[in-house]
Amino acid sequence: MSECLHCDIVDLVRERMERDTELTIAEAAAKIAESLVDVILLASEDEHAKLMADALGFFGQVFLEKTGAVAPDPSTARH
């Protein structure tokens, strides 16, 4: 495992998709979404709504940045 959780997750998903040729990207994305729910549920119940909103907002921002629709925010450097 590396120091980058994001990289480890992406590597794990790629490896799984290479082994299981029947697993579609849509199915993998659904499993990742389910895992995100499980991570959010680790927090206290009063934090669930904010965590879900923050995660969805971050998802949208990163998607726009990685697709080139908006310029990356230099204060939140990612790879």
PDB file of N, CA and C in Angstrom:
ATOM      1  N   MET A   1       0.842  -1.176   0.000  1.00  0.00           N
ATOM      2  CA  MET A   1       0.000   0.000   0.000  1.00  0.00           C
ATOM      3  C   MET A   1       0.886   1.237   0.000  1.00  0.00           C
ATOM      4  N   SER A   2       0.396   2.248  -0.685  1.00  0.00           N
ATOM      5  CA  SER A   2       1.147   3.490  -0.775  1.00  0.00           C
ATOM      6  C   SER A   2       0.667   4.474   0.284  1.00  0.00           C
ATOM      7  N   GLU A   3       1.211   5.654   0.229  1.00  0.00           N
ATOM      8  CA  GLU A   3       0.788   6.720   1.132  1.00  0.00           C
ATOM      9  C   GLU A   3      -0.489   7.403   0.630  1.00  0.00           C
ATOM     10  N   CYS A   4      -0.922   7.045  -0.581  1.00  0.00           N
ATOM     11  CA  CYS A   4      -2.069   7.707  -1.209  1.00  0.00           C
ATOM     12  C   CYS A   4      -3.271   6.765  -1.244  1.00  0.00           C
ATOM     13  N   LEU A   5      -4.247   7.013  -0.386  1.00  0.00           N
ATOM     14  CA  LEU A   5      -5.441   6.176  -0.324  1.00  0.00           C
ATOM     15  C   LEU A   5      -6.173   6.171  -1.663  1.00  0.00           C
ATOM     16  N   HIS A   6      -6.276   7.340  -2.290  1.00  0.00           N
ATOM     17  CA  HIS A   6      -6.938   7.449  -3.595  1.00  0.00           C
ATOM     18  C   HIS A   6      -6.276   6.531  -4.611  1.00  0.00           C
ATOM     19  N   CYS A   7      -4.947   6.557  -4.680  1.00  0.00           N
ATOM     20  CA  CYS A   7      -4.204   5.712  -5.629  1.00  0.00           C
ATOM     21  C   CYS A   7      -4.416   4.234  -5.317  1.00  0.00           C
ATOM     22  N   ASP A   8      -4.393   3.877  -4.046  1.00  0.00           N
ATOM     23  CA  ASP A   8      -4.604   2.482  -3.650  1.00  0.00           C
ATOM     24  C   ASP A   8      -5.986   1.994  -4.064  1.00  0.00           C
ATOM     25  N   ILE A   9      -6.994   2.817  -3.880  1.00  0.00           N
ATOM     26  CA  ILE A   9      -8.361   2.438  -4.250  1.00  0.00           C
ATOM     27  C   ILE A   9      -8.467   2.241  -5.760  1.00  0.00           C
ATOM     28  N   VAL A  10      -7.931   3.185  -6.535  1.00  0.00           N
ATOM     29  CA  VAL A  10      -7.991   3.078  -7.996  1.00  0.00           C
ATOM     30  C   VAL A  10      -7.241   1.838  -8.470  1.00  0.00           C
ATOM     31  N   ASP A  11      -6.074   1.568  -7.899  1.00  0.00           N
ATOM     32  CA  ASP A  11      -5.312   0.364  -8.261  1.00  0.00           C
ATOM     33  C   ASP A  11      -6.106  -0.902  -7.950  1.00  0.00           C
ATOM     34  N   LEU A  12      -6.735  -0.936  -6.791  1.00  0.00           N
ATOM     35  CA  LEU A  12      -7.530  -2.089  -6.391  1.00  0.00           C
ATOM     36  C   LEU A  12      -8.690  -2.318  -7.363  1.00  0.00           C
ATOM     37  N   VAL A  13      -9.370  -1.244  -7.747  1.00  0.00           N
ATOM     38  CA  VAL A  13     -10.496  -1.364  -8.689  1.00  0.00           C
ATOM     39  C   VAL A  13     -10.009  -1.844 -10.052  1.00  0.00           C
ATOM     40  N   ARG A  14      -8.905  -1.288 -10.536  1.00  0.00           N
ATOM     41  CA  ARG A  14      -8.343  -1.734 -11.825  1.00  0.00           C
ATOM     42  C   ARG A  14      -7.990  -3.214 -11.796  1.00  0.00           C
ATOM     43  N   GLU A  15      -7.316  -3.633 -10.725  1.00  0.00           N
ATOM     44  CA  GLU A  15      -6.940  -5.045 -10.592  1.00  0.00           C
ATOM     45  C   GLU A  15      -8.172  -5.940 -10.581  1.00  0.00           C
ATOM     46  N   ARG A  16      -9.184  -5.520  -9.857  1.00  0.00           N
ATOM     47  CA  ARG A  16     -10.424  -6.309  -9.781  1.00  0.00           C
ATOM     48  C   ARG A  16     -11.089  -6.408 -11.148  1.00  0.00           C
ATOM     49  N   MET A  17     -11.107  -5.304 -11.887  1.00  0.00           N
ATOM     50  CA  MET A  17     -11.744  -5.314 -13.204  1.00  0.00           C
ATOM     51  C   MET A  17     -10.941  -6.158 -14.198  1.00  0.00           C
ATOM     52  N   GLU A  18      -9.637  -6.218 -14.029  1.00  0.00           N
ATOM     53  CA  GLU A  18      -8.816  -7.066 -14.895  1.00  0.00           C
ATOM     54  C   GLU A  18      -9.067  -8.546 -14.613  1.00  0.00           C
ATOM     55  N   ARG A  19      -9.269  -8.886 -13.340  1.00  0.00           N
ATOM     56  CA  ARG A  19      -9.539 -10.276 -12.957  1.00  0.00           C
ATOM     57  C   ARG A  19     -10.964 -10.697 -13.300  1.00  0.00           C
ATOM     58  N   ASP A  20     -11.909  -9.802 -13.067  1.00  0.00           N
ATOM     59  CA  ASP A  20     -13.332 -10.110 -13.266  1.00  0.00           C
ATOM     60  C   ASP A  20     -13.814  -9.355 -14.502  1.00  0.00           C
ATOM     61  N   THR A  21     -13.654  -9.963 -15.657  1.00  0.00           N
ATOM     62  CA  THR A  21     -13.984  -9.283 -16.918  1.00  0.00           C
ATOM     63  C   THR A  21     -15.481  -9.037 -17.082  1.00  0.00           C
ATOM     64  N   GLU A  22     -16.290  -9.639 -16.227  1.00  0.00           N
ATOM     65  CA  GLU A  22     -17.737  -9.423 -16.280  1.00  0.00           C
ATOM     66  C   GLU A  22     -18.152  -8.182 -15.481  1.00  0.00           C
ATOM     67  N   LEU A  23     -17.263  -7.686 -14.630  1.00  0.00           N
ATOM     68  CA  LEU A  23     -17.552  -6.504 -13.820  1.00  0.00           C
ATOM     69  C   LEU A  23     -17.496  -5.268 -14.710  1.00  0.00           C
ATOM     70  N   THR A  24     -18.610  -4.547 -14.798  1.00  0.00           N
ATOM     71  CA  THR A  24     -18.653  -3.342 -15.625  1.00  0.00           C
ATOM     72  C   THR A  24     -18.217  -2.129 -14.812  1.00  0.00           C
ATOM     73  N   ILE A  25     -17.892  -1.081 -15.509  1.00  0.00           N
ATOM     74  CA  ILE A  25     -17.538   0.173 -14.822  1.00  0.00           C
ATOM     75  C   ILE A  25     -18.726   0.657 -13.993  1.00  0.00           C
ATOM     76  N   ALA A  26     -19.931   0.513 -14.516  1.00  0.00           N
ATOM     77  CA  ALA A  26     -21.122   0.938 -13.762  1.00  0.00           C
ATOM     78  C   ALA A  26     -21.256   0.147 -12.463  1.00  0.00           C
ATOM     79  N   GLU A  27     -21.019  -1.155 -12.527  1.00  0.00           N
ATOM     80  CA  GLU A  27     -21.098  -1.980 -11.317  1.00  0.00           C
ATOM     81  C   GLU A  27     -19.995  -1.614 -10.329  1.00  0.00           C
ATOM     82  N   ALA A  28     -18.794  -1.369 -10.841  1.00  0.00           N
ATOM     83  CA  ALA A  28     -17.689  -0.970  -9.969  1.00  0.00           C
ATOM     84  C   ALA A  28     -18.005   0.367  -9.302  1.00  0.00           C
ATOM     85  N   ALA A  29     -18.521   1.321 -10.068  1.00  0.00           N
ATOM     86  CA  ALA A  29     -18.872   2.625  -9.506  1.00  0.00           C
ATOM     87  C   ALA A  29     -19.957   2.477  -8.434  1.00  0.00           C
ATOM     88  N   ALA A  30     -20.920   1.589  -8.669  1.00  0.00           N
ATOM     89  CA  ALA A  30     -21.973   1.365  -7.670  1.00  0.00           C
ATOM     90  C   ALA A  30     -21.387   0.791  -6.381  1.00  0.00           C
ATOM     91  N   LYS A  31     -20.438  -0.138  -6.500  1.00  0.00           N
ATOM     92  CA  LYS A  31     -19.806  -0.708  -5.310  1.00  0.00           C
ATOM     93  C   LYS A  31     -18.987   0.345  -4.565  1.00  0.00           C
ATOM     94  N   ILE A  32     -18.321   1.216  -5.318  1.00  0.00           N
ATOM     95  CA  ILE A  32     -17.549   2.295  -4.693  1.00  0.00           C
ATOM     96  C   ILE A  32     -18.488   3.246  -3.956  1.00  0.00           C
ATOM     97  N   ALA A  33     -19.643   3.543  -4.571  1.00  0.00           N
ATOM     98  CA  ALA A  33     -20.630   4.411  -3.911  1.00  0.00           C
ATOM     99  C   ALA A  33     -21.131   3.757  -2.622  1.00  0.00           C
ATOM    100  N   GLU A  34     -21.368   2.447  -2.678  1.00  0.00           N
ATOM    101  CA  GLU A  34     -21.803   1.736  -1.475  1.00  0.00           C
ATOM    102  C   GLU A  34     -20.733   1.807  -0.392  1.00  0.00           C
ATOM    103  N   SER A  35     -19.470   1.699  -0.793  1.00  0.00           N
ATOM    104  CA  SER A  35     -18.370   1.812   0.166  1.00  0.00           C
ATOM    105  C   SER A  35     -18.312   3.202   0.775  1.00  0.00           C
ATOM    106  N   LEU A  36     -18.567   4.228  -0.032  1.00  0.00           N
ATOM    107  CA  LEU A  36     -18.588   5.593   0.491  1.00  0.00           C
ATOM    108  C   LEU A  36     -19.684   5.744   1.545  1.00  0.00           C
ATOM    109  N   VAL A  37     -20.834   5.148   1.292  1.00  0.00           N
ATOM    110  CA  VAL A  37     -21.906   5.179   2.293  1.00  0.00           C
ATOM    111  C   VAL A  37     -21.429   4.521   3.586  1.00  0.00           C
ATOM    112  N   ASP A  38     -20.767   3.371   3.463  1.00  0.00           N
ATOM    113  CA  ASP A  38     -20.270   2.687   4.659  1.00  0.00           C
ATOM    114  C   ASP A  38     -19.262   3.543   5.416  1.00  0.00           C
ATOM    115  N   VAL A  39     -18.407   4.276   4.701  1.00  0.00           N
ATOM    116  CA  VAL A  39     -17.439   5.163   5.348  1.00  0.00           C
ATOM    117  C   VAL A  39     -18.175   6.298   6.067  1.00  0.00           C
ATOM    118  N   ILE A  40     -19.155   6.891   5.405  1.00  0.00           N
ATOM    119  CA  ILE A  40     -19.925   7.979   6.030  1.00  0.00           C
ATOM    120  C   ILE A  40     -20.631   7.476   7.289  1.00  0.00           C
ATOM    121  N   LEU A  41     -21.127   6.246   7.240  1.00  0.00           N
ATOM    122  CA  LEU A  41     -21.831   5.694   8.397  1.00  0.00           C
ATOM    123  C   LEU A  41     -20.912   5.400   9.581  1.00  0.00           C
ATOM    124  N   LEU A  42     -19.589   5.459   9.367  1.00  0.00           N
ATOM    125  CA  LEU A  42     -18.662   5.318  10.485  1.00  0.00           C
ATOM    126  C   LEU A  42     -18.718   6.525  11.417  1.00  0.00           C
ATOM    127  N   ALA A  43     -19.156   7.662  10.867  1.00  0.00           N
ATOM    128  CA  ALA A  43     -19.245   8.891  11.655  1.00  0.00           C
ATOM    129  C   ALA A  43     -20.521   8.859  12.502  1.00  0.00           C
ATOM    130  N   SER A  44     -20.603   9.800  13.430  1.00  0.00           N
ATOM    131  CA  SER A  44     -21.811   9.880  14.250  1.00  0.00           C
ATOM    132  C   SER A  44     -22.996  10.298  13.377  1.00  0.00           C
ATOM    133  N   GLU A  45     -24.167   9.887  13.792  1.00  0.00           N
ATOM    134  CA  GLU A  45     -25.380  10.123  13.000  1.00  0.00           C
ATOM    135  C   GLU A  45     -25.596  11.604  12.697  1.00  0.00           C
ATOM    136  N   ASP A  46     -25.252  12.474  13.631  1.00  0.00           N
ATOM    137  CA  ASP A  46     -25.464  13.896  13.410  1.00  0.00           C
ATOM    138  C   ASP A  46     -24.511  14.475  12.353  1.00  0.00           C
ATOM    139  N   GLU A  47     -23.493  13.725  11.942  1.00  0.00           N
ATOM    140  CA  GLU A  47     -22.561  14.176  10.910  1.00  0.00           C
ATOM    141  C   GLU A  47     -22.904  13.638   9.516  1.00  0.00           C
ATOM    142  N   HIS A  48     -23.806  12.669   9.430  1.00  0.00           N
ATOM    143  CA  HIS A  48     -24.080  11.991   8.162  1.00  0.00           C
ATOM    144  C   HIS A  48     -24.473  12.949   7.036  1.00  0.00           C
ATOM    145  N   ALA A  49     -25.433  13.817   7.274  1.00  0.00           N
ATOM    146  CA  ALA A  49     -25.921  14.700   6.212  1.00  0.00           C
ATOM    147  C   ALA A  49     -24.813  15.625   5.704  1.00  0.00           C
ATOM    148  N   LYS A  50     -24.042  16.207   6.613  1.00  0.00           N
ATOM    149  CA  LYS A  50     -22.958  17.106   6.193  1.00  0.00           C
ATOM    150  C   LYS A  50     -21.886  16.349   5.429  1.00  0.00           C
ATOM    151  N   LEU A  51     -21.519  15.166   5.905  1.00  0.00           N
ATOM    152  CA  LEU A  51     -20.511  14.371   5.203  1.00  0.00           C
ATOM    153  C   LEU A  51     -20.980  13.995   3.801  1.00  0.00           C
ATOM    154  N   MET A  52     -22.245  13.605   3.680  1.00  0.00           N
ATOM    155  CA  MET A  52     -22.773  13.248   2.370  1.00  0.00           C
ATOM    156  C   MET A  52     -22.765  14.465   1.452  1.00  0.00           C
ATOM    157  N   ALA A  53     -23.179  15.611   1.941  1.00  0.00           N
ATOM    158  CA  ALA A  53     -23.173  16.833   1.139  1.00  0.00           C
ATOM    159  C   ALA A  53     -21.751  17.224   0.745  1.00  0.00           C
ATOM    160  N   ASP A  54     -20.830  17.151   1.686  1.00  0.00           N
ATOM    161  CA  ASP A  54     -19.425  17.473   1.385  1.00  0.00           C
ATOM    162  C   ASP A  54     -18.851  16.524   0.334  1.00  0.00           C
ATOM    163  N   ALA A  55     -19.142  15.232   0.479  1.00  0.00           N
ATOM    164  CA  ALA A  55     -18.627  14.244  -0.475  1.00  0.00           C
ATOM    165  C   ALA A  55     -19.191  14.494  -1.874  1.00  0.00           C
ATOM    166  N   LEU A  56     -20.479  14.784  -1.969  1.00  0.00           N
ATOM    167  CA  LEU A  56     -21.084  15.046  -3.277  1.00  0.00           C
ATOM    168  C   LEU A  56     -20.537  16.331  -3.896  1.00  0.00           C
ATOM    169  N   GLY A  57     -20.344  17.358  -3.083  1.00  0.00           N
ATOM    170  CA  GLY A  57     -19.758  18.596  -3.581  1.00  0.00           C
ATOM    171  C   GLY A  57     -18.335  18.381  -4.078  1.00  0.00           C
ATOM    172  N   PHE A  58     -17.554  17.617  -3.328  1.00  0.00           N
ATOM    173  CA  PHE A  58     -16.185  17.309  -3.721  1.00  0.00           C
ATOM    174  C   PHE A  58     -16.173  16.488  -5.002  1.00  0.00           C
ATOM    175  N   PHE A  59     -17.075  15.515  -5.092  1.00  0.00           N
ATOM    176  CA  PHE A  59     -17.202  14.699  -6.296  1.00  0.00           C
ATOM    177  C   PHE A  59     -17.414  15.584  -7.522  1.00  0.00           C
ATOM    178  N   GLY A  60     -18.356  16.513  -7.426  1.00  0.00           N
ATOM    179  CA  GLY A  60     -18.639  17.412  -8.544  1.00  0.00           C
ATOM    180  C   GLY A  60     -17.444  18.272  -8.902  1.00  0.00           C
ATOM    181  N   GLN A  61     -16.772  18.824  -7.916  1.00  0.00           N
ATOM    182  CA  GLN A  61     -15.610  19.679  -8.160  1.00  0.00           C
ATOM    183  C   GLN A  61     -14.486  18.911  -8.832  1.00  0.00           C
ATOM    184  N   VAL A  62     -14.174  17.741  -8.314  1.00  0.00           N
ATOM    185  CA  VAL A  62     -13.090  16.931  -8.878  1.00  0.00           C
ATOM    186  C   VAL A  62     -13.443  16.486 -10.291  1.00  0.00           C
ATOM    187  N   PHE A  63     -14.687  16.102 -10.517  1.00  0.00           N
ATOM    188  CA  PHE A  63     -15.108  15.692 -11.860  1.00  0.00           C
ATOM    189  C   PHE A  63     -14.921  16.838 -12.852  1.00  0.00           C
ATOM    190  N   LEU A  64     -15.354  18.025 -12.477  1.00  0.00           N
ATOM    191  CA  LEU A  64     -15.204  19.184 -13.363  1.00  0.00           C
ATOM    192  C   LEU A  64     -13.741  19.488 -13.623  1.00  0.00           C
ATOM    193  N   GLU A  65     -12.905  19.393 -12.601  1.00  0.00           N
ATOM    194  CA  GLU A  65     -11.472  19.651 -12.778  1.00  0.00           C
ATOM    195  C   GLU A  65     -10.823  18.596 -13.669  1.00  0.00           C
ATOM    196  N   LYS A  66     -11.108  17.328 -13.428  1.00  0.00           N
ATOM    197  CA  LYS A  66     -10.450  16.254 -14.183  1.00  0.00           C
ATOM    198  C   LYS A  66     -10.934  16.166 -15.624  1.00  0.00           C
ATOM    199  N   THR A  67     -12.123  16.654 -15.898  1.00  0.00           N
ATOM    200  CA  THR A  67     -12.615  16.659 -17.281  1.00  0.00           C
ATOM    201  C   THR A  67     -12.244  17.943 -18.005  1.00  0.00           C
ATOM    202  N   GLY A  68     -11.626  18.883 -17.292  1.00  0.00           N
ATOM    203  CA  GLY A  68     -11.188  20.125 -17.912  1.00  0.00           C
ATOM    204  C   GLY A  68     -12.264  21.187 -18.023  1.00  0.00           C
ATOM    205  N   ALA A  69     -13.412  20.951 -17.403  1.00  0.00           N
ATOM    206  CA  ALA A  69     -14.499  21.930 -17.468  1.00  0.00           C
ATOM    207  C   ALA A  69     -14.186  23.177 -16.646  1.00  0.00           C
ATOM    208  N   VAL A  70     -13.410  23.020 -15.591  1.00  0.00           N
ATOM    209  CA  VAL A  70     -12.966  24.155 -14.783  1.00  0.00           C
ATOM    210  C   VAL A  70     -11.488  23.966 -14.479  1.00  0.00           C
ATOM    211  N   ALA A  71     -10.822  25.059 -14.207  1.00  0.00           N
ATOM    212  CA  ALA A  71      -9.402  24.996 -13.840  1.00  0.00           C
ATOM    213  C   ALA A  71      -9.267  24.429 -12.430  1.00  0.00           C
ATOM    214  N   PRO A  72      -8.259  23.597 -12.210  1.00  0.00           N
ATOM    215  CA  PRO A  72      -8.049  23.073 -10.859  1.00  0.00           C
ATOM    216  C   PRO A  72      -7.777  24.195  -9.862  1.00  0.00           C
ATOM    217  N   ASP A  73      -8.257  23.995  -8.658  1.00  0.00           N
ATOM    218  CA  ASP A  73      -8.010  24.945  -7.580  1.00  0.00           C
ATOM    219  C   ASP A  73      -6.609  24.679  -7.056  1.00  0.00           C
ATOM    220  N   PRO A  74      -5.673  25.626  -7.211  1.00  0.00           N
ATOM    221  CA  PRO A  74      -4.285  25.389  -6.779  1.00  0.00           C
ATOM    222  C   PRO A  74      -4.143  25.154  -5.270  1.00  0.00           C
ATOM    223  N   SER A  75      -5.109  25.576  -4.491  1.00  0.00           N
ATOM    224  CA  SER A  75      -5.002  25.396  -3.041  1.00  0.00           C
ATOM    225  C   SER A  75      -5.348  23.966  -2.630  1.00  0.00           C
ATOM    226  N   THR A  76      -5.926  23.194  -3.540  1.00  0.00           N
ATOM    227  CA  THR A  76      -6.274  21.801  -3.235  1.00  0.00           C
ATOM    228  C   THR A  76      -5.633  20.877  -4.279  1.00  0.00           C
ATOM    229  N   ALA A  77      -4.329  20.970  -4.389  1.00  0.00           N
ATOM    230  CA  ALA A  77      -3.602  20.198  -5.393  1.00  0.00           C
ATOM    231  C   ALA A  77      -3.864  18.706  -5.244  1.00  0.00           C
ATOM    232  N   ARG A  78      -4.263  18.098  -6.339  1.00  0.00           N
ATOM    233  CA  ARG A  78      -4.515  16.654  -6.396  1.00  0.00           C
ATOM    234  C   ARG A  78      -3.830  16.112  -7.625  1.00  0.00           C
ATOM    235  N   HIS A  79      -3.834  14.813  -7.760  1.00  0.00           N
ATOM    236  CA  HIS A  79      -3.288  14.179  -8.956  1.00  0.00           C
ATOM    237  C   HIS A  79      -4.328  13.332  -9.632  1.00  0.00           C
TER     238      HIS A  79
END
